[in-house]
Amino acid sequence: MIQLTTIRYELKEGTKTVWVETSKEIATINEERYKTILEWSPMMRRLGGSETLKRTYTSAGDKVYEIVSKSPDRTLKTVRNFKFD
C-alpha cells in the first residue's frame, strides 16, 4: 500500500511567492490508483497548469514520490507526497 498526503495551498493575497496551507489529507491508496494519478499529469499541463514530478529510487524501483501542481492562474497549488511501504 502507498500512503498519499495531499496538501493544498492558496497564494497569499498581495504576494507572488507566499503560500498559505488550506487543507491536508492523508489516505492509503493502491498501486492502480497511484498509476492513475501519474497518468493525469500531462492533462494538467494541457489545461494550462504546471506539474512537477520528483523521482527517487525505492525498493520497488524508480518511482515518483512528489507531484507539485499549480493552477493555470497560479493562485492554487497542490502537493501530493507518496510514501511507499
N, C-alpha and C. Protein backbone atom coordinates (compact mmCIF):
# COMPACT_ATOMS: atom_id res chain seq x y z
N MET A 1 0.83 -1.18 0.00
CA MET A 1 0.00 0.00 0.00
C MET A 1 0.88 1.25 0.00
N ILE A 2 0.30 2.32 -0.48
CA ILE A 2 1.01 3.59 -0.61
C ILE A 2 0.26 4.65 0.19
N GLN A 3 0.99 5.41 1.00
CA GLN A 3 0.37 6.49 1.75
C GLN A 3 0.46 7.77 0.93
N LEU A 4 -0.68 8.41 0.69
CA LEU A 4 -0.76 9.64 -0.09
C LEU A 4 -1.12 10.78 0.84
N THR A 5 -0.25 11.80 0.89
CA THR A 5 -0.52 13.01 1.64
C THR A 5 -0.75 14.13 0.64
N THR A 6 -1.94 14.74 0.67
CA THR A 6 -2.29 15.82 -0.24
C THR A 6 -2.41 17.11 0.56
N ILE A 7 -1.60 18.10 0.19
CA ILE A 7 -1.62 19.40 0.86
C ILE A 7 -2.00 20.45 -0.18
N ARG A 8 -3.01 21.24 0.13
CA ARG A 8 -3.46 22.29 -0.79
C ARG A 8 -3.07 23.65 -0.21
N TYR A 9 -2.58 24.50 -1.11
CA TYR A 9 -2.15 25.84 -0.73
C TYR A 9 -2.87 26.88 -1.58
N GLU A 10 -2.98 28.07 -1.03
CA GLU A 10 -3.55 29.20 -1.74
C GLU A 10 -2.53 30.34 -1.65
N LEU A 11 -2.41 31.10 -2.72
CA LEU A 11 -1.47 32.21 -2.75
C LEU A 11 -1.95 33.31 -1.82
N LYS A 12 -1.08 33.78 -0.95
CA LYS A 12 -1.45 34.85 -0.02
C LYS A 12 -1.71 36.12 -0.82
N GLU A 13 -2.82 36.78 -0.49
CA GLU A 13 -3.21 37.98 -1.23
C GLU A 13 -2.15 39.06 -1.15
N GLY A 14 -1.84 39.64 -2.30
CA GLY A 14 -0.86 40.71 -2.38
C GLY A 14 0.57 40.23 -2.53
N THR A 15 0.79 38.91 -2.61
CA THR A 15 2.14 38.37 -2.77
C THR A 15 2.21 37.49 -4.01
N LYS A 16 3.43 37.17 -4.41
CA LYS A 16 3.62 36.29 -5.56
C LYS A 16 4.25 34.95 -5.19
N THR A 17 4.85 34.87 -4.00
CA THR A 17 5.59 33.66 -3.65
C THR A 17 5.25 33.09 -2.28
N VAL A 18 4.29 33.67 -1.57
CA VAL A 18 3.95 33.19 -0.23
C VAL A 18 2.68 32.36 -0.31
N TRP A 19 2.79 31.07 0.10
CA TRP A 19 1.67 30.14 0.03
C TRP A 19 1.14 29.86 1.43
N VAL A 20 -0.18 29.80 1.57
CA VAL A 20 -0.84 29.52 2.84
C VAL A 20 -1.54 28.16 2.72
N GLU A 21 -1.27 27.26 3.65
CA GLU A 21 -1.89 25.93 3.62
C GLU A 21 -3.39 26.04 3.93
N THR A 22 -4.21 25.43 3.07
CA THR A 22 -5.66 25.49 3.28
C THR A 22 -6.23 24.15 3.72
N SER A 23 -5.62 23.04 3.32
CA SER A 23 -6.11 21.73 3.77
C SER A 23 -5.01 20.69 3.64
N LYS A 24 -5.19 19.61 4.40
CA LYS A 24 -4.24 18.50 4.37
C LYS A 24 -5.03 17.21 4.53
N GLU A 25 -4.79 16.25 3.64
CA GLU A 25 -5.48 14.97 3.67
C GLU A 25 -4.46 13.84 3.60
N ILE A 26 -4.69 12.79 4.36
CA ILE A 26 -3.84 11.61 4.31
C ILE A 26 -4.72 10.41 3.97
N ALA A 27 -4.31 9.65 2.97
CA ALA A 27 -5.09 8.49 2.53
C ALA A 27 -4.14 7.35 2.16
N THR A 28 -4.67 6.15 2.16
CA THR A 28 -3.93 4.98 1.72
C THR A 28 -4.51 4.56 0.38
N ILE A 29 -3.62 4.41 -0.61
CA ILE A 29 -4.05 4.05 -1.96
C ILE A 29 -3.32 2.81 -2.42
N ASN A 30 -3.84 2.20 -3.48
CA ASN A 30 -3.17 1.02 -4.04
C ASN A 30 -2.36 1.44 -5.28
N GLU A 31 -1.64 0.49 -5.83
CA GLU A 31 -0.77 0.76 -6.99
C GLU A 31 -1.56 1.24 -8.20
N GLU A 32 -2.75 0.73 -8.39
CA GLU A 32 -3.58 1.12 -9.54
C GLU A 32 -3.96 2.60 -9.45
N ARG A 33 -4.36 3.06 -8.27
CA ARG A 33 -4.72 4.48 -8.07
C ARG A 33 -3.48 5.37 -8.26
N TYR A 34 -2.33 4.91 -7.80
CA TYR A 34 -1.07 5.64 -7.97
C TYR A 34 -0.78 5.86 -9.46
N LYS A 35 -0.93 4.81 -10.26
CA LYS A 35 -0.69 4.92 -11.70
C LYS A 35 -1.68 5.87 -12.36
N THR A 36 -2.94 5.86 -11.92
CA THR A 36 -3.95 6.76 -12.46
C THR A 36 -3.59 8.22 -12.18
N ILE A 37 -3.12 8.50 -10.98
CA ILE A 37 -2.72 9.86 -10.62
C ILE A 37 -1.58 10.33 -11.52
N LEU A 38 -0.61 9.45 -11.78
CA LEU A 38 0.52 9.82 -12.64
C LEU A 38 0.08 10.04 -14.08
N GLU A 39 -0.90 9.29 -14.56
CA GLU A 39 -1.38 9.45 -15.93
C GLU A 39 -2.08 10.79 -16.15
N TRP A 40 -2.59 11.41 -15.10
CA TRP A 40 -3.29 12.69 -15.22
C TRP A 40 -2.34 13.88 -15.33
N SER A 41 -1.07 13.70 -15.06
CA SER A 41 -0.12 14.81 -15.09
C SER A 41 -0.07 15.54 -16.44
N PRO A 42 0.03 14.85 -17.56
CA PRO A 42 0.04 15.58 -18.85
C PRO A 42 -1.26 16.34 -19.10
N MET A 43 -2.37 15.84 -18.59
CA MET A 43 -3.65 16.51 -18.76
C MET A 43 -3.64 17.90 -18.13
N MET A 44 -3.07 18.02 -16.94
CA MET A 44 -2.99 19.32 -16.27
C MET A 44 -2.16 20.30 -17.07
N ARG A 45 -1.08 19.81 -17.66
CA ARG A 45 -0.24 20.69 -18.48
C ARG A 45 -1.00 21.20 -19.70
N ARG A 46 -1.79 20.32 -20.31
CA ARG A 46 -2.57 20.73 -21.48
C ARG A 46 -3.63 21.77 -21.13
N LEU A 47 -4.12 21.75 -19.90
CA LEU A 47 -5.12 22.72 -19.46
C LEU A 47 -4.50 24.06 -19.09
N GLY A 48 -3.19 24.16 -19.10
CA GLY A 48 -2.52 25.42 -18.82
C GLY A 48 -1.86 25.49 -17.46
N GLY A 49 -2.03 24.46 -16.66
CA GLY A 49 -1.39 24.43 -15.35
C GLY A 49 0.03 23.92 -15.46
N SER A 50 0.66 23.74 -14.32
CA SER A 50 2.01 23.18 -14.35
C SER A 50 2.08 21.99 -13.41
N GLU A 51 2.89 21.04 -13.76
CA GLU A 51 3.09 19.82 -12.98
C GLU A 51 4.58 19.56 -12.87
N THR A 52 5.06 19.33 -11.66
CA THR A 52 6.45 18.97 -11.44
C THR A 52 6.47 17.62 -10.74
N LEU A 53 7.12 16.65 -11.34
CA LEU A 53 7.21 15.31 -10.76
C LEU A 53 8.63 15.08 -10.27
N LYS A 54 8.77 14.70 -9.00
CA LYS A 54 10.07 14.41 -8.42
C LYS A 54 10.18 12.91 -8.26
N ARG A 55 11.31 12.35 -8.68
CA ARG A 55 11.52 10.90 -8.66
C ARG A 55 12.63 10.51 -7.70
N THR A 56 12.53 9.28 -7.23
CA THR A 56 13.58 8.72 -6.40
C THR A 56 13.63 7.21 -6.65
N TYR A 57 14.71 6.60 -6.25
CA TYR A 57 14.83 5.15 -6.39
C TYR A 57 14.38 4.52 -5.08
N THR A 58 13.41 3.63 -5.15
CA THR A 58 12.90 2.93 -3.97
C THR A 58 13.16 1.43 -4.13
N SER A 59 12.76 0.66 -3.14
CA SER A 59 12.91 -0.79 -3.24
C SER A 59 12.01 -1.35 -4.34
N ALA A 60 10.98 -0.59 -4.72
CA ALA A 60 10.07 -1.02 -5.79
C ALA A 60 10.51 -0.48 -7.16
N GLY A 61 11.66 0.17 -7.21
CA GLY A 61 12.16 0.71 -8.47
C GLY A 61 12.12 2.23 -8.48
N ASP A 62 12.31 2.81 -9.65
CA ASP A 62 12.29 4.26 -9.82
C ASP A 62 10.85 4.75 -9.76
N LYS A 63 10.51 5.55 -8.75
CA LYS A 63 9.13 5.97 -8.52
C LYS A 63 9.04 7.48 -8.33
N VAL A 64 7.88 8.04 -8.68
CA VAL A 64 7.58 9.45 -8.40
C VAL A 64 7.15 9.52 -6.95
N TYR A 65 7.82 10.36 -6.15
CA TYR A 65 7.48 10.46 -4.73
C TYR A 65 6.78 11.78 -4.39
N GLU A 66 6.79 12.75 -5.34
CA GLU A 66 6.10 14.01 -5.08
C GLU A 66 5.64 14.63 -6.39
N ILE A 67 4.41 15.16 -6.38
CA ILE A 67 3.86 15.89 -7.51
C ILE A 67 3.43 17.25 -7.01
N VAL A 68 3.93 18.30 -7.65
CA VAL A 68 3.52 19.66 -7.32
C VAL A 68 2.74 20.20 -8.51
N SER A 69 1.47 20.54 -8.28
CA SER A 69 0.58 21.04 -9.33
C SER A 69 0.20 22.48 -9.03
N LYS A 70 0.21 23.32 -10.07
CA LYS A 70 -0.24 24.70 -9.93
C LYS A 70 -1.35 24.95 -10.93
N SER A 71 -2.36 25.71 -10.50
CA SER A 71 -3.49 26.02 -11.36
C SER A 71 -3.06 26.96 -12.48
N PRO A 72 -3.85 27.03 -13.56
CA PRO A 72 -3.48 27.90 -14.68
C PRO A 72 -3.30 29.37 -14.30
N ASP A 73 -4.07 29.85 -13.33
CA ASP A 73 -3.91 31.26 -12.92
C ASP A 73 -2.85 31.43 -11.82
N ARG A 74 -2.19 30.34 -11.44
CA ARG A 74 -1.08 30.32 -10.48
C ARG A 74 -1.46 30.80 -9.08
N THR A 75 -2.72 30.63 -8.68
CA THR A 75 -3.15 31.04 -7.34
C THR A 75 -3.38 29.85 -6.41
N LEU A 76 -3.45 28.64 -6.96
CA LEU A 76 -3.65 27.43 -6.16
C LEU A 76 -2.53 26.44 -6.44
N LYS A 77 -2.08 25.77 -5.38
CA LYS A 77 -1.02 24.78 -5.53
C LYS A 77 -1.41 23.55 -4.72
N THR A 78 -1.17 22.38 -5.30
CA THR A 78 -1.43 21.12 -4.62
C THR A 78 -0.14 20.30 -4.63
N VAL A 79 0.24 19.82 -3.46
CA VAL A 79 1.43 18.98 -3.33
C VAL A 79 0.97 17.60 -2.89
N ARG A 80 1.33 16.58 -3.68
CA ARG A 80 1.00 15.20 -3.36
C ARG A 80 2.29 14.45 -3.05
N ASN A 81 2.40 13.94 -1.83
CA ASN A 81 3.56 13.16 -1.42
C ASN A 81 3.16 11.69 -1.30
N PHE A 82 4.00 10.82 -1.87
CA PHE A 82 3.76 9.38 -1.81
C PHE A 82 4.80 8.74 -0.93
N LYS A 83 4.35 7.90 0.00
CA LYS A 83 5.25 7.15 0.87
C LYS A 83 5.00 5.67 0.62
N PHE A 84 6.03 4.97 0.17
CA PHE A 84 5.91 3.56 -0.20
C PHE A 84 6.29 2.65 0.97
N ASP A 85 5.47 1.64 1.20
CA ASP A 85 5.74 0.68 2.28
C ASP A 85 6.49 -0.51 1.76
